[in-house]
């Protein structure tokens, strides 16, 4: 029996105006499309088609994630992009955390108008070598997500209680995430489209200096904007400052879509 998608964590598709760019929304490591759903609903209210994909191995059970590889996550983004081409030939990627990594990387392989990368890591908080993570994963399948108690990084506790993600980080998958980060780093100088980077100053999970490092590597982008926000933890699309995030994403998409 394969694992069913967790309730409320399903992928979503909101059809908008085909004359406007379509938005591919990409959730984070161990996360689900639910992280991106409120943002998708907001953008759709402004006429944009939004597809919130489910990355391979996510939103079901952690063992599904352990079986998946970083190339599977790249393929999930590619599939979503091709599905959206049925609605619009102009597409903007919007990714949270690992979704931001994927959005930046895949913008060098697929035709997009621009990229929004939210709370995106340039390196892992504890940067162990890939071979070591693979060895450790044989003996230890999961590790806690952060130092504090679960939810301690959130400003909106009601939103945290509704959050759906795997409770622990699979060690084997962390090795895949590291491989993906290295792919993204190699791709950053090749990105030529406009990029908006957003990060909370209060993110204790992926520290804000990650945004500075990504920005510094975007040497060929047609404008790379940094926006620092406060009063939010890592999941900026659902935490207390989300409306500020939504407005900034909307303004960026309208700008790269030629609507200003």
Foldseek 3Di string as FASTA:
>chain_A
DDFDFAPLQAKDKQAFALLAAAEEEEEEAQFGLNLCVVLCVLLVVVGHIYTRFGQFQHRTDVVRLLPDFLVSRLVRSVVSVVVCVVRYVEYEYEYAALSQLSRLLCVLVDPYLEYEYELYALAAPDHDALVVLVVVCVVPFWDAQDDDDPPPLFLDVVLSVVGDGHRTHTSSNVSRSRVSSVSSLVCQCVAAHEYEYEYECSAPRRHPCRSVVSVVSNPRYPYYHYYYHYNGYRSCCRGDNNVVVSVVVSVVSCVSRVND
